Amino acid sequence: MKIEVWSDYVCPFCYIGKRRLEEALEQFPNRNEVDVEFKSFELDPNAKLYAGDSIHEVLAKKYGMSIEEAKRANDNVGQSAANLGLTYNFDEMKPTNTFDAHRLTKYAKTVGKDKELTEKLLHAYFTESKLISDHQTLVELAASVGMDEAESLKVLQDATHFQDDVRRDEGMAQQIGVNGVPFFVINQKYAISGAQPKETFLSALQQVWQEESGPKIVDLSGEGGAGAVCTDDNCDIPGK
């Protein structure tokens, strides 16, 4: 079973959705036969590098609310995260552009470290308040999961490296109608939108597994039975 997950590193519900999916997989008997792949999605492709504004200020400006309203909204999201064992440090978060982080993750995939780096990036942004557009920070995160520092820096310093891979994911998201993340696609056929409860993920996994593991060919011959047919031995014509 293949699960593709479109997400962004500054999306609070993406980290929550990731953890809920992981909790569902822990209870799924066939979890060892499930491959999860994270796809690139930028909530704001035009986002600037960190300019000192808090996430509360960014949210207030974006949605036309007061700073206090933004803080209350973030507190609610933070509580949902805490229920999963995640710590969201909204007061110290550094909202920024995530394009380079996505490019680095594409490089990480080529060395088998994309899943580990994805977790590191989410934790770095939401919990450790790190600036995940800063190249040195990204190199350090890459090194922490066993990636080569020099190669990681080389990728980051050339904006064309893995650019097409990121854009390909984003183009695919447009084609299938993804307008918000997280967005989960199972076996390129079944979709789950948003950070759904663990039970929803588990139910979906069980349903898809049952449907995809069933007969691949469905007999639509009808009640009349087989029609004229030839085998290796002879040709049998019904009614003869």
C-alpha atoms as a PDB file:
ATOM      1  CA  MET A   1       0.000   0.000   0.000  1.00  0.00           C
ATOM      2  CA  LYS A   2       1.318   3.443  -0.920  1.00  0.00           C
ATOM      3  CA  ILE A   3       0.324   6.605   0.937  1.00  0.00           C
ATOM      4  CA  GLU A   4       1.339   9.959  -0.547  1.00  0.00           C
ATOM      5  CA  VAL A   5       1.105  12.931   1.797  1.00  0.00           C
ATOM      6  CA  TRP A   6       1.105  16.512   0.555  1.00  0.00           C
ATOM      7  CA  SER A   7       2.217  18.807   3.367  1.00  0.00           C
ATOM      8  CA  ASP A   8       4.222  21.894   4.292  1.00  0.00           C
ATOM      9  CA  TYR A   9       6.678  22.365   7.138  1.00  0.00           C
ATOM     10  CA  VAL A  10       4.953  25.483   8.497  1.00  0.00           C
ATOM     11  CA  CYS A  11       1.481  23.926   8.471  1.00  0.00           C
ATOM     12  CA  PRO A  12       0.444  23.121  12.065  1.00  0.00           C
ATOM     13  CA  PHE A  13      -2.156  20.591  10.985  1.00  0.00           C
ATOM     14  CA  CYS A  14       0.389  18.763   8.825  1.00  0.00           C
ATOM     15  CA  TYR A  15       2.430  17.744  11.872  1.00  0.00           C
ATOM     16  CA  ILE A  16      -0.756  16.749  13.687  1.00  0.00           C
ATOM     17  CA  GLY A  17      -1.986  14.779  10.671  1.00  0.00           C
ATOM     18  CA  LYS A  18       1.366  13.043  10.333  1.00  0.00           C
ATOM     19  CA  ARG A  19       1.303  11.912  13.940  1.00  0.00           C
ATOM     20  CA  ARG A  20      -2.302  10.709  13.752  1.00  0.00           C
ATOM     21  CA  LEU A  21      -1.510   8.688  10.635  1.00  0.00           C
ATOM     22  CA  GLU A  22       1.476   7.175  12.433  1.00  0.00           C
ATOM     23  CA  GLU A  23      -0.704   6.242  15.406  1.00  0.00           C
ATOM     24  CA  ALA A  24      -3.178   4.568  13.052  1.00  0.00           C
ATOM     25  CA  LEU A  25      -0.374   2.655  11.348  1.00  0.00           C
ATOM     26  CA  GLU A  26       0.815   1.362  14.727  1.00  0.00           C
ATOM     27  CA  GLN A  27      -2.561  -0.380  15.100  1.00  0.00           C
ATOM     28  CA  PHE A  28      -2.719  -1.574  11.482  1.00  0.00           C
ATOM     29  CA  PRO A  29      -1.754  -5.273  11.193  1.00  0.00           C
ATOM     30  CA  ASN A  30      -0.207  -4.817   7.726  1.00  0.00           C
ATOM     31  CA  ARG A  31       1.768  -1.687   8.571  1.00  0.00           C
ATOM     32  CA  ASN A  32       5.028  -3.249   7.360  1.00  0.00           C
ATOM     33  CA  GLU A  33       3.569  -3.339   3.868  1.00  0.00           C
ATOM     34  CA  VAL A  34       2.685   0.376   3.828  1.00  0.00           C
ATOM     35  CA  ASP A  35       5.028   2.941   2.268  1.00  0.00           C
ATOM     36  CA  VAL A  36       4.470   6.587   3.214  1.00  0.00           C
ATOM     37  CA  GLU A  37       5.917   9.255   0.923  1.00  0.00           C
ATOM     38  CA  PHE A  38       5.774  12.972   1.666  1.00  0.00           C
ATOM     39  CA  LYS A  39       5.089  15.325  -1.227  1.00  0.00           C
ATOM     40  CA  SER A  40       5.995  19.009  -1.438  1.00  0.00           C
ATOM     41  CA  PHE A  41       3.339  21.686  -0.982  1.00  0.00           C
ATOM     42  CA  GLU A  42       3.976  25.351  -0.204  1.00  0.00           C
ATOM     43  CA  LEU A  43       1.143  27.053   1.641  1.00  0.00           C
ATOM     44  CA  ASP A  44       2.534  30.360   0.421  1.00  0.00           C
ATOM     45  CA  PRO A  45       5.045  30.040  -2.448  1.00  0.00           C
ATOM     46  CA  ASN A  46       5.570  33.800  -2.258  1.00  0.00           C
ATOM     47  CA  ALA A  47       6.331  33.830   1.453  1.00  0.00           C
ATOM     48  CA  LYS A  48       9.314  35.954   2.361  1.00  0.00           C
ATOM     49  CA  LEU A  49      12.187  34.945   4.561  1.00  0.00           C
ATOM     50  CA  TYR A  50      11.720  35.550   8.275  1.00  0.00           C
ATOM     51  CA  ALA A  51      11.378  39.273   8.943  1.00  0.00           C
ATOM     52  CA  GLY A  52      10.863  39.221  12.702  1.00  0.00           C
ATOM     53  CA  ASP A  53       7.055  39.022  12.738  1.00  0.00           C
ATOM     54  CA  SER A  54       5.534  36.506  15.114  1.00  0.00           C
ATOM     55  CA  ILE A  55       3.203  33.806  13.865  1.00  0.00           C
ATOM     56  CA  HIS A  56       0.429  35.595  15.776  1.00  0.00           C
ATOM     57  CA  GLU A  57       1.053  38.779  13.772  1.00  0.00           C
ATOM     58  CA  VAL A  58       1.213  36.887  10.493  1.00  0.00           C
ATOM     59  CA  LEU A  59      -2.041  35.073  11.220  1.00  0.00           C
ATOM     60  CA  ALA A  60      -3.809  38.237  12.352  1.00  0.00           C
ATOM     61  CA  LYS A  61      -2.803  40.085   9.196  1.00  0.00           C
ATOM     62  CA  LYS A  62      -3.712  37.214   6.901  1.00  0.00           C
ATOM     63  CA  TYR A  63      -7.195  36.642   8.303  1.00  0.00           C
ATOM     64  CA  GLY A  64      -8.051  40.162   9.456  1.00  0.00           C
ATOM     65  CA  MET A  65      -8.236  39.353  13.157  1.00  0.00           C
ATOM     66  CA  SER A  66      -6.750  40.833  16.281  1.00  0.00           C
ATOM     67  CA  ILE A  67      -3.515  39.582  17.809  1.00  0.00           C
ATOM     68  CA  GLU A  68      -5.472  38.230  20.775  1.00  0.00           C
ATOM     69  CA  GLU A  69      -7.820  36.332  18.474  1.00  0.00           C
ATOM     70  CA  ALA A  70      -4.830  34.892  16.649  1.00  0.00           C
ATOM     71  CA  LYS A  71      -3.271  33.792  19.933  1.00  0.00           C
ATOM     72  CA  ARG A  72      -6.472  32.057  20.994  1.00  0.00           C
ATOM     73  CA  ALA A  73      -6.678  30.263  17.668  1.00  0.00           C
ATOM     74  CA  ASN A  74      -3.070  29.139  17.980  1.00  0.00           C
ATOM     75  CA  ASP A  75      -3.632  28.024  21.558  1.00  0.00           C
ATOM     76  CA  ASN A  76      -6.450  25.749  20.359  1.00  0.00           C
ATOM     77  CA  VAL A  77      -4.201  24.207  17.708  1.00  0.00           C
ATOM     78  CA  GLY A  78      -1.430  23.860  20.269  1.00  0.00           C
ATOM     79  CA  GLN A  79      -3.740  21.905  22.557  1.00  0.00           C
ATOM     80  CA  SER A  80      -4.592  19.488  19.746  1.00  0.00           C
ATOM     81  CA  ALA A  81      -0.875  19.003  19.181  1.00  0.00           C
ATOM     82  CA  ALA A  82      -0.230  18.502  22.897  1.00  0.00           C
ATOM     83  CA  ASN A  83      -2.821  15.719  22.973  1.00  0.00           C
ATOM     84  CA  LEU A  84      -0.526  13.862  20.572  1.00  0.00           C
ATOM     85  CA  GLY A  85       2.616  14.526  22.566  1.00  0.00           C
ATOM     86  CA  LEU A  86       3.735  17.408  20.345  1.00  0.00           C
ATOM     87  CA  THR A  87       4.907  20.758  21.673  1.00  0.00           C
ATOM     88  CA  TYR A  88       4.088  23.864  19.625  1.00  0.00           C
ATOM     89  CA  ASN A  89       6.028  26.960  20.654  1.00  0.00           C
ATOM     90  CA  PHE A  90       3.926  29.562  18.846  1.00  0.00           C
ATOM     91  CA  ASP A  91       5.451  32.550  20.619  1.00  0.00           C
ATOM     92  CA  GLU A  92       8.912  31.815  19.227  1.00  0.00           C
ATOM     93  CA  MET A  93       8.085  30.382  15.779  1.00  0.00           C
ATOM     94  CA  LYS A  94       9.787  31.978  12.791  1.00  0.00           C
ATOM     95  CA  PRO A  95       7.389  31.985   9.813  1.00  0.00           C
ATOM     96  CA  THR A  96       9.342  31.813   6.577  1.00  0.00           C
ATOM     97  CA  ASN A  97       9.581  30.472   3.032  1.00  0.00           C
ATOM     98  CA  THR A  98       9.857  26.671   2.832  1.00  0.00           C
ATOM     99  CA  PHE A  99      11.043  26.136  -0.747  1.00  0.00           C
ATOM    100  CA  ASP A 100      14.642  25.306   0.193  1.00  0.00           C
ATOM    101  CA  ALA A 101      13.465  22.939   2.914  1.00  0.00           C
ATOM    102  CA  HIS A 102      11.412  21.076   0.324  1.00  0.00           C
ATOM    103  CA  ARG A 103      14.336  20.973  -2.099  1.00  0.00           C
ATOM    104  CA  LEU A 104      16.579  19.553   0.599  1.00  0.00           C
ATOM    105  CA  THR A 105      13.997  16.876   1.373  1.00  0.00           C
ATOM    106  CA  LYS A 106      14.007  15.843  -2.262  1.00  0.00           C
ATOM    107  CA  TYR A 107      17.758  15.402  -2.041  1.00  0.00           C
ATOM    108  CA  ALA A 108      17.241  13.466   1.206  1.00  0.00           C
ATOM    109  CA  LYS A 109      14.994  11.060  -0.685  1.00  0.00           C
ATOM    110  CA  THR A 110      17.873  10.145  -3.002  1.00  0.00           C
ATOM    111  CA  VAL A 111      19.889   8.977   0.013  1.00  0.00           C
ATOM    112  CA  GLY A 112      16.987   7.341   1.828  1.00  0.00           C
ATOM    113  CA  LYS A 113      16.635   9.989   4.528  1.00  0.00           C
ATOM    114  CA  ASP A 114      13.494  11.880   3.473  1.00  0.00           C
ATOM    115  CA  LYS A 115      11.221  10.478   6.203  1.00  0.00           C
ATOM    116  CA  GLU A 116      13.743  11.262   8.929  1.00  0.00           C
ATOM    117  CA  LEU A 117      14.376  14.773   7.620  1.00  0.00           C
ATOM    118  CA  THR A 118      10.654  15.502   7.323  1.00  0.00           C
ATOM    119  CA  GLU A 119      10.192  14.753  11.020  1.00  0.00           C
ATOM    120  CA  LYS A 120      13.276  16.815  11.926  1.00  0.00           C
ATOM    121  CA  LEU A 121      12.060  19.832   9.953  1.00  0.00           C
ATOM    122  CA  LEU A 122       8.607  19.790  11.530  1.00  0.00           C
ATOM    123  CA  HIS A 123      10.049  19.450  15.018  1.00  0.00           C
ATOM    124  CA  ALA A 124      12.629  22.164  14.321  1.00  0.00           C
ATOM    125  CA  TYR A 125       9.986  24.649  13.233  1.00  0.00           C
ATOM    126  CA  PHE A 126       7.173  23.973  15.689  1.00  0.00           C
ATOM    127  CA  THR A 127       9.059  22.944  18.804  1.00  0.00           C
ATOM    128  CA  GLU A 128      12.607  24.274  18.574  1.00  0.00           C
ATOM    129  CA  SER A 129      11.686  27.591  16.878  1.00  0.00           C
ATOM    130  CA  LYS A 130      14.425  27.207  14.296  1.00  0.00           C
ATOM    131  CA  LEU A 131      14.554  29.216  11.089  1.00  0.00           C
ATOM    132  CA  ILE A 132      14.093  26.477   8.499  1.00  0.00           C
ATOM    133  CA  SER A 133      14.959  28.704   5.556  1.00  0.00           C
ATOM    134  CA  ASP A 134      18.457  29.340   6.910  1.00  0.00           C
ATOM    135  CA  HIS A 135      20.976  27.211   5.017  1.00  0.00           C
ATOM    136  CA  GLN A 136      23.221  26.519   7.970  1.00  0.00           C
ATOM    137  CA  THR A 137      20.249  25.408  10.026  1.00  0.00           C
ATOM    138  CA  LEU A 138      19.105  23.126   7.218  1.00  0.00           C
ATOM    139  CA  VAL A 139      22.572  21.634   6.830  1.00  0.00           C
ATOM    140  CA  GLU A 140      22.697  20.904  10.557  1.00  0.00           C
ATOM    141  CA  LEU A 141      19.301  19.230  10.443  1.00  0.00           C
ATOM    142  CA  ALA A 142      20.407  17.155   7.466  1.00  0.00           C
ATOM    143  CA  ALA A 143      23.580  16.115   9.261  1.00  0.00           C
ATOM    144  CA  SER A 144      21.551  15.076  12.312  1.00  0.00           C
ATOM    145  CA  VAL A 145      19.840  12.362  10.231  1.00  0.00           C
ATOM    146  CA  GLY A 146      23.081  11.180   8.675  1.00  0.00           C
ATOM    147  CA  MET A 147      23.185  13.206   5.462  1.00  0.00           C
ATOM    148  CA  ASP A 148      26.421  14.562   4.034  1.00  0.00           C
ATOM    149  CA  GLU A 149      26.891  18.197   5.077  1.00  0.00           C
ATOM    150  CA  ALA A 150      28.886  19.272   2.030  1.00  0.00           C
ATOM    151  CA  GLU A 151      26.396  17.736  -0.406  1.00  0.00           C
ATOM    152  CA  SER A 152      23.449  19.229   1.462  1.00  0.00           C
ATOM    153  CA  LEU A 153      25.005  22.690   1.332  1.00  0.00           C
ATOM    154  CA  LYS A 154      25.763  22.241  -2.365  1.00  0.00           C
ATOM    155  CA  VAL A 155      22.096  21.498  -3.032  1.00  0.00           C
ATOM    156  CA  LEU A 156      20.942  24.519  -1.048  1.00  0.00           C
ATOM    157  CA  GLN A 157      23.344  26.938  -2.694  1.00  0.00           C
ATOM    158  CA  ASP A 158      22.024  26.171  -6.170  1.00  0.00           C
ATOM    159  CA  ALA A 159      18.321  27.025  -6.310  1.00  0.00           C
ATOM    160  CA  THR A 160      17.869  24.873  -9.418  1.00  0.00           C
ATOM    161  CA  HIS A 161      18.833  21.663  -7.612  1.00  0.00           C
ATOM    162  CA  PHE A 162      15.697  19.569  -7.071  1.00  0.00           C
ATOM    163  CA  GLN A 163      13.545  22.529  -8.047  1.00  0.00           C
ATOM    164  CA  ASP A 164      11.753  20.472 -10.684  1.00  0.00           C
ATOM    165  CA  ASP A 165      11.002  17.731  -8.161  1.00  0.00           C
ATOM    166  CA  VAL A 166       9.262  20.197  -5.870  1.00  0.00           C
ATOM    167  CA  ARG A 167       7.342  21.785  -8.730  1.00  0.00           C
ATOM    168  CA  ARG A 168       6.307  18.361  -9.992  1.00  0.00           C
ATOM    169  CA  ASP A 169       4.704  17.552  -6.644  1.00  0.00           C
ATOM    170  CA  GLU A 170       2.934  20.892  -6.594  1.00  0.00           C
ATOM    171  CA  GLY A 171       1.744  20.430 -10.167  1.00  0.00           C
ATOM    172  CA  MET A 172       0.373  17.012  -9.297  1.00  0.00           C
ATOM    173  CA  ALA A 173      -1.434  18.537  -6.330  1.00  0.00           C
ATOM    174  CA  GLN A 174      -3.149  20.996  -8.671  1.00  0.00           C
ATOM    175  CA  GLN A 175      -4.162  18.213 -11.039  1.00  0.00           C
ATOM    176  CA  ILE A 176      -5.896  16.190  -8.346  1.00  0.00           C
ATOM    177  CA  GLY A 177      -7.507  19.219  -6.723  1.00  0.00           C
ATOM    178  CA  VAL A 178      -5.466  19.639  -3.554  1.00  0.00           C
ATOM    179  CA  ASN A 179      -6.237  23.096  -2.172  1.00  0.00           C
ATOM    180  CA  GLY A 180      -5.290  22.516   1.438  1.00  0.00           C
ATOM    181  CA  VAL A 181      -2.921  20.348   3.424  1.00  0.00           C
ATOM    182  CA  PRO A 182      -2.362  17.843   4.807  1.00  0.00           C
ATOM    183  CA  PHE A 183      -3.802  15.758   1.987  1.00  0.00           C
ATOM    184  CA  PHE A 184      -3.404  11.985   1.872  1.00  0.00           C
ATOM    185  CA  VAL A 185      -3.760   9.783  -1.207  1.00  0.00           C
ATOM    186  CA  ILE A 186      -3.788   6.003  -0.823  1.00  0.00           C
ATOM    187  CA  ASN A 187      -2.792   3.884  -3.820  1.00  0.00           C
ATOM    188  CA  GLN A 188      -3.385   6.870  -6.116  1.00  0.00           C
ATOM    189  CA  LYS A 189      -7.113   6.229  -5.719  1.00  0.00           C
ATOM    190  CA  TYR A 190      -8.438   7.053  -2.243  1.00  0.00           C
ATOM    191  CA  ALA A 191      -8.151  10.509  -0.661  1.00  0.00           C
ATOM    192  CA  ILE A 192      -8.282  11.800   2.904  1.00  0.00           C
ATOM    193  CA  SER A 193      -8.288  15.560   3.400  1.00  0.00           C
ATOM    194  CA  GLY A 194      -7.086  17.212   6.582  1.00  0.00           C
ATOM    195  CA  ALA A 195      -5.720  16.057   9.929  1.00  0.00           C
ATOM    196  CA  GLN A 196      -8.470  13.524  10.536  1.00  0.00           C
ATOM    197  CA  PRO A 197      -8.785  11.538  13.778  1.00  0.00           C
ATOM    198  CA  LYS A 198      -6.679   8.395  14.128  1.00  0.00           C
ATOM    199  CA  GLU A 199      -9.836   6.294  13.836  1.00  0.00           C
ATOM    200  CA  THR A 200     -10.575   7.736  10.390  1.00  0.00           C
ATOM    201  CA  PHE A 201      -7.103   6.842   9.143  1.00  0.00           C
ATOM    202  CA  LEU A 202      -7.294   3.343  10.605  1.00  0.00           C
ATOM    203  CA  SER A 203     -10.708   2.712   9.078  1.00  0.00           C
ATOM    204  CA  ALA A 204      -9.462   3.916   5.696  1.00  0.00           C
ATOM    205  CA  LEU A 205      -6.382   1.692   5.887  1.00  0.00           C
ATOM    206  CA  GLN A 206      -8.507  -1.344   6.695  1.00  0.00           C
ATOM    207  CA  GLN A 207     -11.045  -0.582   3.970  1.00  0.00           C
ATOM    208  CA  VAL A 208      -8.456   0.001   1.258  1.00  0.00           C
ATOM    209  CA  TRP A 209      -6.486  -3.076   2.269  1.00  0.00           C
ATOM    210  CA  GLN A 210      -9.597  -5.228   2.052  1.00  0.00           C
ATOM    211  CA  GLU A 211     -10.670  -3.810  -1.300  1.00  0.00           C
ATOM    212  CA  GLU A 212      -7.215  -3.864  -2.863  1.00  0.00           C
ATOM    213  CA  SER A 213      -6.457  -7.385  -1.583  1.00  0.00           C
ATOM    214  CA  GLY A 214      -9.669  -8.834  -2.995  1.00  0.00           C
ATOM    215  CA  PRO A 215     -10.134 -10.456  -6.406  1.00  0.00           C
ATOM    216  CA  LYS A 216      -8.513  -8.436  -9.166  1.00  0.00           C
ATOM    217  CA  ILE A 217     -10.938  -9.792 -11.780  1.00  0.00           C
ATOM    218  CA  VAL A 218     -14.697  -9.513 -11.342  1.00  0.00           C
ATOM    219  CA  ASP A 219     -16.790 -11.914 -13.445  1.00  0.00           C
ATOM    220  CA  LEU A 220     -19.527 -10.015 -15.266  1.00  0.00           C
ATOM    221  CA  SER A 221     -20.630 -12.906 -17.503  1.00  0.00           C
ATOM    222  CA  GLY A 222     -24.158 -12.784 -16.166  1.00  0.00           C
ATOM    223  CA  GLU A 223     -26.571 -15.452 -14.931  1.00  0.00           C
ATOM    224  CA  GLY A 224     -26.444 -17.389 -18.210  1.00  0.00           C
ATOM    225  CA  GLY A 225     -23.041 -18.776 -17.384  1.00  0.00           C
ATOM    226  CA  ALA A 226     -20.078 -19.002 -19.738  1.00  0.00           C
ATOM    227  CA  GLY A 227     -20.470 -18.214 -23.418  1.00  0.00           C
ATOM    228  CA  ALA A 228     -18.607 -19.846 -26.297  1.00  0.00           C
ATOM    229  CA  VAL A 229     -15.085 -20.521 -25.166  1.00  0.00           C
ATOM    230  CA  CYS A 230     -11.965 -22.273 -26.384  1.00  0.00           C
ATOM    231  CA  THR A 231      -9.453 -24.034 -24.180  1.00  0.00           C
ATOM    232  CA  ASP A 232      -6.231 -25.839 -25.002  1.00  0.00           C
ATOM    233  CA  ASP A 233      -8.214 -29.019 -25.639  1.00  0.00           C
ATOM    234  CA  ASN A 234     -11.179 -27.874 -27.688  1.00  0.00           C
ATOM    235  CA  CYS A 235     -13.761 -25.192 -28.405  1.00  0.00           C
ATOM    236  CA  ASP A 236     -16.966 -25.623 -26.481  1.00  0.00           C
ATOM    237  CA  ILE A 237     -20.018 -23.993 -28.063  1.00  0.00           C
ATOM    238  CA  PRO A 238     -22.928 -23.703 -25.595  1.00  0.00           C
ATOM    239  CA  GLY A 239     -26.148 -25.336 -26.712  1.00  0.00           C
ATOM    240  CA  LYS A 240     -24.477 -27.575 -29.297  1.00  0.00           C
END
